[in-house]
Each structure stands twice: as structure tokens, then as C-alpha cells.
Amino acid sequence: MNKRQALIAAALAGMYTVSSGAAAHDPVDKAEKEKCYGIVKAGQNDCSSANGSHSCSGQSTVDHAPEEWKFVAKGTCEKAGGKLTGK
């Protein structure tokens, strides 16, 4: 990897960290959202699984696993085919 590629990769990683970190820790944002289980695509979960198989975001391995969740706007989970509890 040359210096230019490394600089671009570092800048993109920094932008991702800043944008995802602010949204995840904003209490107003969380108040308007709810955990929705069973709608997540592989690798797009927001945090740990309900069954304890992993403890970080982005670690789901299959689409629509019932124990994986993602934050969605309040009142939209069940309309999207999800559930408010994970099992």
C-alpha cells in the first residue's frame, strides 16, 4: 500500500468512526428508536446478539436471524416484519 492509499484509508476510517459514534451515543436519537429483531442483514447488526453469540456490531453472519437487532424508528419494527424481542 502506498502513502496515498494509506492516507485515504485513514481518512475514511476516521469519517466512519465520527459519523457512527455520534449517532450511537445521542440520547435523543435513541429515545425515538427501538430495537428491532429479525430484520438485520448479515454484518449489519447494531450491537450484541440476544443469545450472546457475539458482542459487537457488524458480526451477524446470516440475514434475518431472530436474535440479531438493529435500531429503527419507533413504531416501524413490526411493520417491517420484525419483533420487539429477540428469540
C-alpha atoms as a PDB file:
ATOM      1  CA  MET A   1       0.000   0.000   0.000  1.00  0.00           C
ATOM      2  CA  ASN A   2       1.474   3.355  -0.957  1.00  0.00           C
ATOM      3  CA  LYS A   3       1.278   6.560   1.125  1.00  0.00           C
ATOM      4  CA  ARG A   4      -1.686   7.929  -0.808  1.00  0.00           C
ATOM      5  CA  GLN A   5      -3.766   4.772  -0.321  1.00  0.00           C
ATOM      6  CA  ALA A   6      -2.893   4.691   3.382  1.00  0.00           C
ATOM      7  CA  LEU A   7      -3.903   8.336   3.794  1.00  0.00           C
ATOM      8  CA  ILE A   8      -7.231   7.764   2.030  1.00  0.00           C
ATOM      9  CA  ALA A   9      -7.941   4.652   4.117  1.00  0.00           C
ATOM     10  CA  ALA A  10      -7.164   6.523   7.356  1.00  0.00           C
ATOM     11  CA  ALA A  11      -9.402   9.433   6.362  1.00  0.00           C
ATOM     12  CA  LEU A  12     -12.296   7.143   5.503  1.00  0.00           C
ATOM     13  CA  ALA A  13     -11.903   5.203   8.746  1.00  0.00           C
ATOM     14  CA  GLY A  14     -11.895   8.456  10.709  1.00  0.00           C
ATOM     15  CA  MET A  15     -15.031   9.691   8.969  1.00  0.00           C
ATOM     16  CA  TYR A  16     -16.810   6.411   9.680  1.00  0.00           C
ATOM     17  CA  THR A  17     -15.837   6.494  13.361  1.00  0.00           C
ATOM     18  CA  VAL A  18     -17.039  10.074  13.822  1.00  0.00           C
ATOM     19  CA  SER A  19     -20.341   9.579  11.996  1.00  0.00           C
ATOM     20  CA  SER A  20     -21.296   6.252  13.582  1.00  0.00           C
ATOM     21  CA  GLY A  21     -20.104   7.191  17.074  1.00  0.00           C
ATOM     22  CA  ALA A  22     -22.173  10.354  17.323  1.00  0.00           C
ATOM     23  CA  ALA A  23     -25.382   8.620  16.271  1.00  0.00           C
ATOM     24  CA  ALA A  24     -24.895   5.679  18.601  1.00  0.00           C
ATOM     25  CA  HIS A  25     -24.428   7.860  21.702  1.00  0.00           C
ATOM     26  CA  ASP A  26     -27.090  10.525  21.119  1.00  0.00           C
ATOM     27  CA  PRO A  27     -29.796  10.013  23.813  1.00  0.00           C
ATOM     28  CA  VAL A  28     -32.404  11.943  21.833  1.00  0.00           C
ATOM     29  CA  ASP A  29     -31.812   9.687  18.848  1.00  0.00           C
ATOM     30  CA  LYS A  30     -32.213   6.532  20.991  1.00  0.00           C
ATOM     31  CA  ALA A  31     -35.415   7.860  22.555  1.00  0.00           C
ATOM     32  CA  GLU A  32     -37.002   7.939  19.123  1.00  0.00           C
ATOM     33  CA  LYS A  33     -35.820   4.459  18.177  1.00  0.00           C
ATOM     34  CA  GLU A  34     -36.394   0.865  19.260  1.00  0.00           C
ATOM     35  CA  LYS A  35     -34.513  -2.402  18.902  1.00  0.00           C
ATOM     36  CA  CYS A  36     -35.975  -4.473  16.092  1.00  0.00           C
ATOM     37  CA  TYR A  37     -35.069  -8.163  15.951  1.00  0.00           C
ATOM     38  CA  GLY A  38     -35.106 -10.379  12.883  1.00  0.00           C
ATOM     39  CA  ILE A  39     -34.753  -7.750  10.149  1.00  0.00           C
ATOM     40  CA  VAL A  40     -30.963  -7.461  10.021  1.00  0.00           C
ATOM     41  CA  LYS A  41     -28.870  -8.429   7.012  1.00  0.00           C
ATOM     42  CA  ALA A  42     -25.619 -10.291   7.701  1.00  0.00           C
ATOM     43  CA  GLY A  43     -22.953  -7.944   9.016  1.00  0.00           C
ATOM     44  CA  GLN A  44     -25.354  -5.046   9.619  1.00  0.00           C
ATOM     45  CA  ASN A  45     -26.481  -5.593  13.227  1.00  0.00           C
ATOM     46  CA  ASP A  46     -26.198  -2.657  15.632  1.00  0.00           C
ATOM     47  CA  CYS A  47     -24.779  -4.447  18.671  1.00  0.00           C
ATOM     48  CA  SER A  48     -24.529  -7.773  20.520  1.00  0.00           C
ATOM     49  CA  SER A  49     -26.892 -10.639  19.774  1.00  0.00           C
ATOM     50  CA  ALA A  50     -29.720 -11.579  22.144  1.00  0.00           C
ATOM     51  CA  ASN A  51     -28.322 -15.105  22.555  1.00  0.00           C
ATOM     52  CA  GLY A  52     -24.775 -13.941  23.390  1.00  0.00           C
ATOM     53  CA  SER A  53     -23.082 -15.443  20.323  1.00  0.00           C
ATOM     54  CA  HIS A  54     -21.147 -12.162  19.816  1.00  0.00           C
ATOM     55  CA  SER A  55     -20.820  -8.786  21.484  1.00  0.00           C
ATOM     56  CA  CYS A  56     -20.236  -6.257  18.711  1.00  0.00           C
ATOM     57  CA  SER A  57     -21.953  -4.566  15.825  1.00  0.00           C
ATOM     58  CA  GLY A  58     -21.427  -5.949  12.351  1.00  0.00           C
ATOM     59  CA  GLN A  59     -20.856  -9.535  13.480  1.00  0.00           C
ATOM     60  CA  SER A  60     -24.132 -11.161  12.444  1.00  0.00           C
ATOM     61  CA  THR A  61     -23.498 -13.965   9.971  1.00  0.00           C
ATOM     62  CA  VAL A  62     -26.918 -14.609   8.395  1.00  0.00           C
ATOM     63  CA  ASP A  63     -29.790 -12.462   7.163  1.00  0.00           C
ATOM     64  CA  HIS A  64     -32.882 -12.115   9.370  1.00  0.00           C
ATOM     65  CA  ALA A  65     -31.562 -14.067  12.367  1.00  0.00           C
ATOM     66  CA  PRO A  66     -34.148 -13.736  15.173  1.00  0.00           C
ATOM     67  CA  GLU A  67     -31.504 -12.861  17.803  1.00  0.00           C
ATOM     68  CA  GLU A  68     -29.914 -10.018  15.789  1.00  0.00           C
ATOM     69  CA  TRP A  69     -31.231  -6.476  16.086  1.00  0.00           C
ATOM     70  CA  LYS A  70     -30.978  -3.016  14.591  1.00  0.00           C
ATOM     71  CA  PHE A  71     -32.300   0.347  15.805  1.00  0.00           C
ATOM     72  CA  VAL A  72     -35.308   1.541  13.802  1.00  0.00           C
ATOM     73  CA  ALA A  73     -37.721   4.447  14.212  1.00  0.00           C
ATOM     74  CA  LYS A  74     -40.327   3.766  16.923  1.00  0.00           C
ATOM     75  CA  GLY A  75     -43.447   2.135  15.554  1.00  0.00           C
ATOM     76  CA  THR A  76     -41.838   0.753  12.392  1.00  0.00           C
ATOM     77  CA  CYS A  77     -40.348  -2.565  13.557  1.00  0.00           C
ATOM     78  CA  GLU A  78     -43.389  -4.795  13.271  1.00  0.00           C
ATOM     79  CA  LYS A  79     -44.426  -3.087  10.024  1.00  0.00           C
ATOM     80  CA  ALA A  80     -41.038  -4.150   8.614  1.00  0.00           C
ATOM     81  CA  GLY A  81     -41.626  -7.766   9.666  1.00  0.00           C
ATOM     82  CA  GLY A  82     -39.514  -7.632  12.834  1.00  0.00           C
ATOM     83  CA  LYS A  83     -40.171  -8.265  16.515  1.00  0.00           C
ATOM     84  CA  LEU A  84     -39.501  -6.129  19.577  1.00  0.00           C
ATOM     85  CA  THR A  85     -37.943  -9.049  21.471  1.00  0.00           C
ATOM     86  CA  GLY A  86     -35.191 -11.385  20.313  1.00  0.00           C
ATOM     87  CA  LYS A  87     -35.652 -15.158  20.322  1.00  0.00           C
END
